Protein backbone atom coordinates (compact mmCIF):
# COMPACT_ATOMS: atom_id res chain seq x y z
CA MET A 1 164.05 74.50 122.43
CA SER A 2 162.47 75.31 119.02
CA ARG A 3 159.88 72.50 119.58
CA LEU A 4 159.03 74.02 122.99
CA LEU A 5 158.40 77.42 121.45
CA ALA A 6 156.23 75.92 118.85
CA LEU A 7 154.06 74.33 121.47
CA VAL A 8 153.80 77.53 123.36
CA ALA A 9 152.66 79.17 120.02
CA VAL A 10 149.91 76.55 119.57
CA VAL A 11 148.61 77.03 123.05
CA LEU A 12 148.67 80.81 122.94
CA ALA A 13 147.00 81.50 119.58
CA PRO A 14 143.57 80.62 120.64
CA LEU A 15 143.90 82.70 123.72
CA ALA A 16 144.85 85.75 121.68
CA ALA A 17 141.98 85.18 119.26
CA SER A 18 139.53 84.83 122.27
CA ALA A 19 140.85 88.13 123.70
CA GLN A 20 140.30 89.75 120.29
CA ASP A 21 136.73 88.44 120.22
CA VAL A 22 135.99 89.74 123.64
CA ASN A 23 137.51 93.18 122.86
CA ALA A 24 135.31 93.41 119.74
CA TYR A 25 132.22 92.33 121.68
CA ASN A 26 132.93 94.96 124.37
CA ARG A 27 133.33 97.72 121.77
CA ALA A 28 130.02 96.66 120.15
CA LEU A 29 128.38 96.67 123.69
CA SER A 30 129.73 100.12 124.34
CA ALA A 31 128.25 101.46 121.11
CA PHE A 32 124.97 99.69 121.83
CA ASN A 33 124.69 101.24 125.32
CA ALA A 34 125.68 104.65 123.90
CA GLY A 35 122.78 104.40 121.42
CA ASP A 36 125.07 104.23 118.36
CA LEU A 37 123.13 101.39 116.72
CA ASP A 38 124.73 101.80 113.26
CA ALA A 39 128.15 101.21 114.77
CA ALA A 40 127.09 98.49 117.09
CA ALA A 41 125.30 96.16 114.57
CA PRO A 42 128.42 95.41 112.27
CA LEU A 43 130.60 94.79 115.34
CA PHE A 44 128.12 92.36 116.86
CA PHE A 45 127.67 90.68 113.45
CA GLU A 46 131.47 90.24 113.04
CA THR A 47 131.71 88.87 116.48
CA SER A 48 128.98 86.46 116.07
CA GLU A 49 130.47 85.18 112.86
CA ARG A 50 134.17 85.09 113.94
CA ALA A 51 134.18 84.27 117.61
CA SER A 52 135.49 80.86 118.74
CA ASP A 53 134.20 81.22 122.27
CA PRO A 54 130.57 80.05 122.40
CA GLU A 55 129.77 82.51 125.19
CA THR A 56 131.00 85.54 123.34
CA LYS A 57 129.46 84.28 120.09
CA GLY A 58 126.04 83.59 121.65
CA LYS A 59 126.01 87.06 123.42
CA ALA A 60 126.89 88.80 120.24
CA GLU A 61 124.16 87.03 118.29
CA TYR A 62 121.58 88.06 121.00
CA TYR A 63 122.66 91.69 121.06
CA LEU A 64 122.56 91.87 117.26
CA ALA A 65 118.98 90.91 117.47
CA GLN A 66 118.39 93.53 120.11
CA THR A 67 120.08 96.14 117.94
CA PHE A 68 117.86 95.22 115.01
CA ALA A 69 114.83 95.51 117.18
CA LYS A 70 115.85 98.91 118.63
CA LYS A 71 116.66 100.20 115.10
CA GLY A 72 113.09 99.45 113.85
CA LEU A 73 113.99 96.25 111.94
CA PRO A 74 111.69 93.72 113.54
CA VAL A 75 111.85 91.02 110.85
CA ALA A 76 115.71 91.15 110.87
CA ALA A 77 115.43 90.74 114.60
CA PHE A 78 113.06 87.81 114.21
CA VAL A 79 115.64 86.10 111.96
CA THR A 80 118.37 86.44 114.54
CA TYR A 81 116.17 85.43 117.53
CA ALA A 82 114.98 82.42 115.42
CA ALA A 83 118.55 81.21 114.97
CA ILE A 84 119.11 81.38 118.70
CA VAL A 85 116.00 79.52 119.55
CA LYS A 86 116.70 76.85 116.86
CA ALA A 87 120.16 76.32 118.36
CA GLY A 88 118.43 75.07 121.49
CA PRO A 89 119.23 75.11 125.29
CA LYS A 90 122.99 74.89 124.54
CA HIS A 91 122.87 78.43 123.23
CA PRO A 92 124.07 80.78 126.02
CA SER A 93 121.30 83.37 125.23
CA TYR A 94 118.66 80.69 124.63
CA LEU A 95 115.96 81.77 127.15
CA LYS A 96 116.64 85.50 126.20
CA GLY A 97 116.22 84.51 122.60
CA VAL A 98 112.94 82.88 123.27
CA GLU A 99 111.74 86.05 125.14
CA GLY A 100 112.88 88.31 122.32
CA LEU A 101 111.13 86.11 119.73
CA VAL A 102 107.76 86.48 121.71
CA ASP A 103 108.22 90.28 121.87
CA ILE A 104 108.83 90.48 118.21
CA GLN A 105 105.79 88.34 117.50
CA GLN A 106 103.60 90.84 119.31
CA GLN A 107 105.31 93.81 117.50
CA LEU A 108 104.82 92.37 114.07
CA ASP A 109 101.45 90.53 114.99
CA GLU A 110 102.81 87.61 112.96
CA GLN A 111 100.56 84.52 113.25
CA ASN A 112 102.19 82.06 110.95
CA LEU A 113 106.00 81.56 111.11
CA ILE A 114 106.81 82.59 114.80
CA PRO A 115 104.02 80.58 116.41
CA SER A 116 105.06 77.60 114.31
CA LEU A 117 108.65 78.07 115.36
CA LEU A 118 107.66 78.19 119.06
CA ASN A 119 105.51 75.08 118.57
CA GLN A 120 108.53 73.30 117.25
CA ALA A 121 110.77 74.43 120.03
CA TYR A 122 108.28 73.91 122.95
CA THR A 123 109.41 70.22 123.69
CA ASP A 124 109.47 68.23 126.85
CA GLU A 125 113.23 68.87 126.93
CA VAL A 126 112.79 72.60 127.34
CA ARG A 127 109.53 72.68 129.24
CA ASP A 128 111.18 73.05 132.71
CA GLN A 129 113.35 75.84 131.43
CA TRP A 130 110.61 77.72 129.88
CA VAL A 131 108.59 77.92 132.93
CA THR A 132 111.29 80.15 134.44
CA LEU A 133 110.40 82.84 131.70
CA PRO A 134 108.63 85.96 132.74
CA ARG A 135 104.86 85.20 133.40
CA GLU A 136 103.57 87.28 130.49
CA VAL A 137 106.09 85.82 127.99
CA LEU A 138 105.07 82.22 128.99
CA ALA A 139 101.34 83.20 128.81
CA ARG A 140 101.79 84.34 125.16
CA ILE A 141 103.67 81.28 124.35
CA ASN A 142 100.94 79.10 125.69
CA PHE A 143 98.43 81.05 123.52
CA LEU A 144 100.54 81.10 120.35
CA VAL A 145 101.30 77.29 120.59
CA GLY A 146 97.71 76.74 121.47
CA THR A 147 96.65 78.31 118.21
CA ILE A 148 98.99 75.98 116.28
CA SER A 149 97.61 72.94 118.24
CA HIS A 150 93.94 73.99 117.28
CA ARG A 151 94.85 74.49 113.64
CA ARG A 152 96.33 70.92 113.68
CA GLY A 153 93.50 69.32 115.37
CA ARG A 154 95.26 68.54 118.57
CA PHE A 155 92.33 69.65 120.83
CA GLU A 156 93.20 68.34 124.13
CA GLU A 157 96.75 69.88 123.82
CA ALA A 158 95.21 73.18 122.78
CA ARG A 159 92.82 73.11 125.69
CA SER A 160 95.61 72.54 128.17
CA LEU A 161 97.75 75.37 126.81
CA LEU A 162 94.95 77.89 126.68
CA GLU A 163 93.73 77.15 130.09
CA ALA A 164 97.27 77.78 131.35
CA VAL A 165 96.99 81.41 130.41
CA PRO A 166 96.37 83.44 133.56
CA PRO A 167 93.59 86.09 133.99
CA ASP A 168 96.22 88.89 134.30
CA SER A 169 97.76 88.29 130.97
CA ARG A 170 97.12 90.63 128.10
CA VAL A 171 96.20 87.65 125.90
CA TYR A 172 93.71 86.17 128.43
CA ALA A 173 90.71 87.33 126.41
CA LYS A 174 92.09 85.93 123.17
CA SER A 175 92.91 82.69 124.88
CA GLN A 176 89.42 82.28 126.43
CA TYR A 177 87.86 82.98 123.05
CA LEU A 178 89.99 80.30 121.40
CA LEU A 179 89.36 77.94 124.34
CA GLY A 180 85.65 78.34 123.57
CA ILE A 181 86.10 77.55 119.93
CA VAL A 182 88.24 74.43 120.86
CA LEU A 183 85.71 73.05 123.29
CA ALA A 184 82.71 73.58 120.92
CA ASP A 185 84.42 71.93 118.02
CA PRO A 186 82.54 68.75 117.06
CA ARG A 187 85.93 67.04 116.54
CA PHE A 188 86.90 67.43 120.15
CA PRO A 189 87.67 64.06 121.84
CA GLY A 190 84.92 62.78 123.95
CA ARG A 191 81.98 64.04 121.86
CA PRO A 192 79.13 63.17 121.79
CA GLY A 193 79.23 61.60 125.22
CA GLU A 194 80.49 64.75 126.95
CA ALA A 195 78.86 67.25 124.63
CA ASP A 196 76.77 69.01 127.27
CA ALA A 197 79.76 69.44 129.77
CA LEU A 198 82.00 70.66 126.83
CA ASP A 199 79.30 73.09 125.65
CA LYS A 200 78.95 74.58 129.14
CA ALA A 201 82.75 74.96 129.32
CA ALA A 202 82.76 76.69 125.97
CA LEU A 203 79.75 78.89 127.07
CA ALA A 204 81.78 79.92 130.17
CA ALA A 205 84.86 80.80 128.09
CA PHE A 206 82.87 83.04 125.71
CA GLN A 207 81.06 84.66 128.61
CA THR A 208 84.51 85.31 130.37
CA VAL A 209 85.44 87.35 127.39
CA LEU A 210 82.20 89.29 127.30
CA LYS A 211 82.44 90.04 131.04
CA GLN A 212 85.82 91.72 130.75
CA LYS A 213 85.15 95.35 131.66
CA GLY A 214 86.95 98.62 132.48
CA GLU A 215 90.78 98.40 133.01
CA LYS A 216 90.80 94.64 132.58
CA ALA A 217 89.35 95.06 129.08
CA GLU A 218 91.58 97.91 128.25
CA ARG A 219 94.63 95.79 128.96
CA GLN A 220 93.59 93.01 126.55
CA LEU A 221 95.20 92.91 123.20
CA GLU A 222 92.64 93.40 120.23
CA PHE A 223 89.92 93.32 122.70
CA LYS A 224 87.24 94.91 120.50
CA GLU A 225 87.67 92.28 117.79
CA THR A 226 88.00 89.52 120.30
CA ARG A 227 84.79 90.51 121.98
CA GLU A 228 82.87 90.46 118.69
CA LEU A 229 84.28 87.14 117.90
CA ALA A 230 83.15 85.74 121.20
CA MET A 231 79.61 87.02 120.34
CA LEU A 232 79.78 85.03 117.04
CA GLY A 233 81.15 82.02 118.95
CA LEU A 234 78.35 82.21 121.48
CA GLY A 235 75.75 82.50 118.68
CA ARG A 236 77.23 79.43 117.00
CA LEU A 237 77.23 77.45 120.09
CA HIS A 238 73.56 78.14 120.91
CA TYR A 239 72.65 77.41 117.27
CA GLY A 240 74.40 74.03 117.40
CA ARG A 241 72.38 73.15 120.59
CA GLY A 242 69.06 74.19 118.94
CA GLU A 243 68.79 77.25 121.15
CA TYR A 244 67.78 79.56 118.25
CA LYS A 245 66.39 82.41 120.37
CA GLU A 246 69.54 82.66 122.34
CA ALA A 247 71.62 82.48 119.23
CA SER A 248 69.75 85.35 117.81
CA GLU A 249 70.36 87.44 120.85
CA ALA A 250 74.04 86.73 120.64
CA TYR A 251 74.21 87.55 116.85
CA GLU A 252 72.26 90.82 117.38
CA ALA A 253 74.73 91.87 120.02
CA VAL A 254 77.52 92.30 117.39
CA PRO A 255 77.83 96.00 116.77
CA ARG A 256 76.42 97.36 113.59
CA TYR A 257 79.04 98.21 110.84
CA SER A 258 81.67 96.27 112.80
CA ARG A 259 84.07 93.93 110.88
CA TYR A 260 81.90 90.98 111.61
CA TRP A 261 78.46 92.50 111.32
CA ASP A 262 77.72 90.98 107.90
CA GLN A 263 78.63 87.54 109.12
CA ALA A 264 76.26 88.08 112.13
CA LEU A 265 73.43 89.12 109.87
CA PHE A 266 73.83 86.04 107.82
CA GLU A 267 74.00 83.51 110.63
CA ASN A 268 71.12 85.32 112.51
CA GLY A 269 69.04 84.70 109.39
CA PHE A 270 69.55 80.95 109.93
CA SER A 271 68.70 81.22 113.66
CA ARG A 272 65.51 83.07 112.98
CA PHE A 273 64.52 80.59 110.26
CA GLN A 274 65.09 77.72 112.53
CA ASN A 275 63.05 79.51 115.13
CA GLU A 276 60.21 79.79 112.60
CA ASP A 277 60.58 83.55 112.48
CA PHE A 278 60.49 83.64 108.69
CA GLY A 279 59.91 87.42 108.71
CA GLY A 280 62.97 88.00 110.91
CA ALA A 281 65.09 85.72 108.68
CA LEU A 282 64.20 87.64 105.64
CA GLY A 283 64.76 90.88 107.46
CA SER A 284 68.35 89.83 108.24
CA LEU A 285 68.95 88.98 104.67
CA GLN A 286 67.31 92.12 103.39
CA ALA A 287 69.98 94.10 105.36
CA LEU A 288 72.71 91.77 104.03
CA HIS A 289 71.53 92.28 100.42
CA ALA A 290 71.60 96.11 100.74
CA PRO A 291 73.85 98.04 98.35
CA GLN A 292 76.31 98.73 101.31
CA PHE A 293 77.17 94.95 101.28
CA ALA A 294 77.37 94.66 97.52
CA GLY A 295 81.07 93.43 97.86
CA ALA A 296 80.19 90.68 100.33
CA PHE A 297 80.58 86.98 99.27
CA GLN A 298 77.57 85.40 100.81
CA PRO A 299 76.16 82.96 98.29
CA GLU A 300 74.29 80.77 100.91
CA SER A 301 72.33 83.76 101.92
CA TRP A 302 70.30 83.49 98.69
CA ILE A 303 69.77 79.86 99.22
CA LEU A 304 68.45 80.56 102.64
CA LYS A 305 66.14 83.26 101.28
CA ALA A 306 64.78 80.83 98.67
CA THR A 307 64.29 78.27 101.33
CA VAL A 308 62.24 80.64 103.44
CA TYR A 309 60.05 81.33 100.55
CA TYR A 310 59.73 77.64 99.78
CA TYR A 311 58.55 76.72 103.26
CA SER A 312 55.91 79.48 102.84
CA CYS A 313 54.85 78.04 99.54
CA LEU A 314 55.59 81.46 97.79
CA PHE A 315 56.85 79.82 94.63
CA ASP A 316 57.15 82.82 92.50
CA GLU A 317 59.41 84.45 95.09
CA VAL A 318 61.40 81.27 95.19
CA LYS A 319 61.96 81.48 91.43
CA THR A 320 62.86 85.15 91.60
CA THR A 321 65.46 84.55 94.36
CA LEU A 322 67.13 81.66 92.67
CA ALA A 323 67.26 83.77 89.36
CA ALA A 324 69.08 86.44 91.32
CA TYR A 325 71.48 83.85 92.76
CA ASP A 326 72.28 82.61 89.16
CA ASP A 327 72.80 86.26 88.01
CA VAL A 328 75.17 87.14 90.75
CA TYR A 329 77.06 83.86 91.46
CA GLY A 330 76.87 81.93 88.19
CA PRO A 331 79.46 84.02 86.38
CA MET A 332 81.74 83.82 89.57
CA ALA A 333 81.86 80.11 89.34
CA LYS A 334 83.17 80.15 85.78
CA GLN A 335 85.58 82.98 86.52
CA LEU A 336 87.15 81.01 89.38
CA GLN A 337 87.81 77.74 87.46
CA PRO A 338 91.32 78.58 86.11
CA PHE A 339 92.59 79.31 89.71
CA THR A 340 91.47 76.03 91.54
CA GLY A 341 93.46 73.36 89.83
CA ASP A 342 96.29 71.35 91.38
CA ASP A 343 98.79 72.79 88.98
CA VAL A 344 98.18 76.38 89.99
CA ASP A 345 101.36 78.06 91.24
CA LEU A 346 101.38 79.43 94.85
CA ILE A 347 103.32 82.62 94.53
CA PRO A 348 101.45 83.91 91.46
CA THR A 349 98.17 83.05 93.25
CA PHE A 350 99.11 85.03 96.33
CA ASN A 351 100.31 87.96 94.22
CA MET A 352 97.04 88.06 92.43
CA VAL A 353 95.14 88.14 95.71
CA SER A 354 97.40 90.70 97.41
CA ALA A 355 97.57 93.05 94.47
CA SER A 356 95.92 96.34 95.15
CA GLU A 357 94.12 96.25 91.83
CA ASN A 358 92.10 93.19 90.99
CA ARG A 359 91.20 92.51 87.38
CA ARG A 360 91.10 88.71 87.40
CA LEU A 361 88.92 87.53 90.24
CA PRO A 362 85.28 88.33 91.04
CA ARG A 363 85.42 91.37 93.48
CA PRO A 364 83.38 89.75 96.21
CA VAL A 365 85.73 86.68 96.21
CA TYR A 366 88.73 88.96 95.98
CA LEU A 367 87.67 90.90 99.08
CA TRP A 368 86.61 87.79 100.96
CA ILE A 369 90.05 86.22 100.56
CA ARG A 370 91.89 89.49 101.37
CA ASN A 371 89.73 89.79 104.60
CA ASN A 372 91.05 86.40 105.85
CA GLU A 373 93.10 87.18 109.03
CA ARG A 374 96.05 85.05 108.26
CA ILE A 375 96.41 86.40 104.64
CA ARG A 376 96.14 89.92 105.99
CA GLU A 377 99.03 89.13 108.38
CA VAL A 378 101.12 87.75 105.53
CA MET A 379 100.67 90.87 103.55
CA ARG A 380 101.41 93.01 106.52
CA VAL A 381 104.71 91.18 107.38
CA LEU A 382 105.79 91.19 103.74
CA ALA A 383 105.35 95.01 103.74
CA ASN A 384 107.71 95.08 106.83
CA VAL A 385 110.21 92.93 104.95
CA ASP A 386 110.29 95.13 101.92
CA SER A 387 110.58 98.21 104.06
CA GLU A 388 113.48 96.81 106.04
CA LYS A 389 115.27 95.67 102.91
CA ARG A 390 115.05 99.27 101.47
CA ALA A 391 116.22 100.63 104.76
CA ILE A 392 119.41 98.46 104.99
CA VAL A 393 120.29 98.82 101.27
CA GLY A 394 119.99 102.57 101.68
CA SER A 395 121.97 102.84 104.92
CA SER A 396 125.25 104.55 104.38
CA SER A 397 126.74 103.11 107.55
CA TRP A 398 126.17 99.48 106.36
CA LYS A 399 126.44 99.88 102.64
CA GLY A 400 128.62 97.06 101.11
CA SER A 401 129.19 95.33 104.53
CA ALA A 402 128.87 91.60 105.19
CA LEU A 403 126.16 92.54 107.62
CA ALA A 404 124.00 94.14 104.95
CA THR A 405 124.53 91.47 102.43
CA GLN A 406 123.75 88.62 104.75
CA THR A 407 120.76 90.39 106.46
CA VAL A 408 119.17 91.29 103.02
CA ALA A 409 119.61 87.67 102.01
CA SER A 410 117.92 86.46 105.14
CA LEU A 411 115.03 88.84 104.67
CA GLU A 412 114.62 87.61 101.11
CA ASP A 413 114.38 84.01 102.50
CA VAL A 414 111.68 85.18 104.87
CA ARG A 415 109.90 86.86 101.98
CA ASN A 416 109.90 83.66 99.83
CA THR A 417 108.69 81.59 102.80
CA LEU A 418 105.89 84.13 103.43
CA LEU A 419 104.88 84.04 99.65
CA GLN A 420 104.64 80.20 99.92
CA VAL A 421 102.55 80.51 103.07
CA GLY A 422 100.32 83.19 101.58
CA GLY A 423 100.00 81.30 98.30
CA THR A 424 98.87 78.13 100.23
CA LEU A 425 96.28 80.10 102.07
CA ALA A 426 95.08 81.98 99.02
CA LYS A 427 94.82 78.69 96.95
CA SER A 428 92.88 77.05 99.71
CA ARG A 429 90.51 79.99 100.03
CA LEU A 430 89.89 80.09 96.29
CA ARG A 431 89.09 76.35 96.32
CA GLU A 432 86.74 76.93 99.22
CA ALA A 433 84.89 79.63 97.31
CA SER A 434 84.67 77.55 94.29
CA ASP A 435 83.44 74.49 96.20
CA ASN A 436 80.90 76.72 98.11
CA LEU A 437 79.53 77.93 94.69
CA ARG A 438 79.20 74.48 93.36
CA THR A 439 77.53 73.23 96.51
CA PHE A 440 75.04 76.08 96.53
CA SER A 441 74.28 75.85 92.92
CA ASP A 442 73.43 72.18 93.47
CA GLN A 443 71.27 73.19 96.32
CA ALA A 444 69.59 75.90 94.21
CA GLU A 445 68.77 73.21 91.62
CA ILE A 446 67.23 70.91 94.18
CA ILE A 447 65.00 73.67 95.49
CA ARG A 448 64.03 74.61 91.95
CA VAL A 449 63.08 71.09 91.08
CA GLN A 450 61.16 70.60 94.32
CA THR A 451 59.26 73.94 93.77
CA ALA A 452 58.18 72.74 90.38
CA LEU A 453 56.98 69.43 91.78
CA ASP A 454 55.13 71.14 94.69
CA GLN A 455 53.50 73.58 92.31
CA LYS A 456 52.38 70.60 90.08
CA ASP A 457 50.95 68.86 93.22
CA LEU A 458 48.85 71.96 94.21
CA LEU A 459 47.54 72.32 90.78
CA GLN A 460 46.52 68.67 90.61
CA ALA A 461 44.86 69.00 93.95
CA GLY A 462 42.85 71.92 92.62
CA VAL A 463 44.33 74.61 94.99
CA ASP A 464 43.96 78.09 93.72
CA GLN A 465 46.99 79.82 95.15
CA LYS A 466 46.19 83.30 93.86
CA ALA A 467 42.84 83.13 95.60
CA LEU A 468 44.44 81.74 98.70
CA LEU A 469 46.85 84.58 98.99
CA LYS A 470 44.32 87.24 98.19
CA ARG A 471 42.10 86.26 101.10
CA GLN A 472 45.04 86.87 103.57
CA SER A 473 45.93 90.19 105.12
CA LEU A 474 49.38 91.57 105.90
CA TYR A 475 49.80 93.21 109.33
CA ARG A 476 52.43 95.49 110.61
CA PRO A 477 55.06 93.62 112.70
CA ALA A 478 55.02 93.84 116.39
CA MET A 479 56.95 96.69 117.90
CA PRO A 480 59.82 95.82 120.22
CA GLY A 481 59.11 98.68 122.61
CA ALA A 482 57.61 102.10 123.06
CA ALA A 483 60.71 103.84 121.65
CA TRP A 484 60.43 102.14 118.34
CA ASN A 485 58.82 103.52 115.15
CA TYR A 486 57.56 101.86 112.09
CA TRP A 487 58.13 102.74 108.35
CA LYS A 488 57.10 100.81 105.36
CA PHE A 489 59.94 99.92 103.10
CA GLN A 490 59.72 101.65 99.77
CA GLY A 491 62.86 100.46 98.04
CA GLU A 492 65.28 102.91 99.65
CA PHE A 493 68.19 101.76 101.76
CA TRP A 494 69.00 104.32 104.49
CA ILE A 495 72.19 103.47 106.25
CA ASP A 496 70.76 104.16 109.69
CA GLU A 497 68.00 101.72 109.12
CA ILE A 498 69.95 98.75 107.73
CA GLY A 499 69.74 95.86 110.13
CA TYR A 500 66.23 96.79 111.46
CA TYR A 501 64.12 95.19 108.67
CA GLN A 502 61.29 92.80 109.39
CA TYR A 503 59.09 91.21 106.86
CA THR A 504 55.51 89.98 107.09
CA LEU A 505 54.61 87.04 104.85
CA LYS A 506 51.57 85.59 103.51
CA ARG A 507 51.44 81.80 103.29
CA GLY A 508 50.73 80.08 100.12
CA CYS A 509 50.43 76.64 101.67
CA PRO A 510 46.90 75.17 101.85
CA ALA A 511 45.70 74.79 105.34
CA LYS A 512 45.42 71.30 106.76
CA PRO A 513 41.91 70.00 107.40
CA GLY A 514 40.48 71.74 110.54
CA GLN A 515 43.12 74.55 110.49
CA GLU A 516 42.30 78.12 109.55
CA GLN A 517 44.67 79.76 106.93
CA ARG A 518 46.47 82.54 108.66
CA SER A 519 49.06 85.06 107.70
CA GLN A 520 52.69 84.58 108.71
CA GLN A 521 55.80 86.67 107.99
CA GLY A 522 56.44 88.92 104.80
CA ARG A 523 56.29 88.76 100.98
CA ASP A 524 59.01 90.34 98.94
CA GLU A 525 56.92 93.25 97.61
CA ASP A 526 55.28 93.64 101.01
CA ARG A 527 58.47 93.83 102.96
CA GLU A 528 58.52 96.28 105.73
CA GLU A 529 61.04 97.55 108.26
CA LEU A 530 61.40 98.46 111.87
CA GLY A 531 63.40 101.53 112.61
CA SER A 532 64.61 103.58 115.61
CA ARG A 533 65.63 106.83 114.06
């Protein structure tokens, strides 16, 4: 008899524990539905930690994440959703966890950890289940995983994912822009044999973004920035195809003073130079070198300026430009040397870049790195992490609880991971800046040497450059239309005139036999501007 009672006890004990778990879960759910999130969260946490029944445990985990999200703790919610997604399809709240993770990604605008997690989870095993997710959720997954595929050079995969984003999705414009970037990439499989077809497909993708109007445009996430990026993408595509006039038109469509305007000015300088519009090229660079862009990191712009002068045989201006480059960027190269070695620690590097006060890096490099979108995202999410930690530690309802202790520890893990990600990005960006300076310094030296050799050749040929230049006349640039006015540049930069500069140049190269020496586009002291005040 006693043995039978013992067996009964063994059978009934788990049932009693399960009933206790269900009761705790129901109390937590009641508090959640009543809006008492402070009471619901510890109950869901305890149930998720203690429950032996996988169904109850899984539901408690999901609602804990929901509670964090409703309470304004999106990073804590992300940690909980991530645990559900990592558990895989066996988790009872798996698909809801995937959906919650995608929602939190949009709320945080987090572009590093969550897309990588979704990329790892999006396997052939779960693909058939994920297609049952809401249409917009699946569209965002395709976009986010597509960004990871692009970063890792899996171009065909990225193309397939991005093309799967439907036109009614809020990330359609972003997906089409990235699709254009993927298709135009010279590393895309099939180039150069399919270059023309790929270029046309990329062109169509960029144009799709630019054609978004009215309500469709308003529904798109970050449409203003995406549209401007599409203009840059279009300009680069045309430039790569040797269509320099069309490239200039795309660059000139980027709105003045927008986030990408300085980049558009710089790249338009190259387009105009390649199109033999030397005055237009110098005009773009004149705007870029205005005091308003004093914090811009654009070393190549000075090399382009020197190159324009070199092709016009204006050797004094070449030397002046290269001297200006040395004055501005020479000290920067030396200042960056301590931060580009293999032994540089990641976290201190990121902390140096993310600090609000900068005393160690050249200011243009510091601003250039901080303007990187992925680094900005790391900084933004880190601010969320710190804010959530303060809120949890300061919560009287959760103070001293296991929930608070474990959640703060999880947030600290996220913080350390983000610091590593940010440090990797910052270190890579610093090396890129240093490599750029080294490359352009080498190019400056090549131009300097070639200029000296060409000057020597002209002297030996008996060419009197001063007389040659003196015989030429400078003319006002052509007016684009009747609504435009002309003002001669007199050393003052007016903010409403920046971006409308146009040089006229004399040409110091001797004419070839049978050719008449003629004036071309603008010398430095004779620079002039177009304006539309």
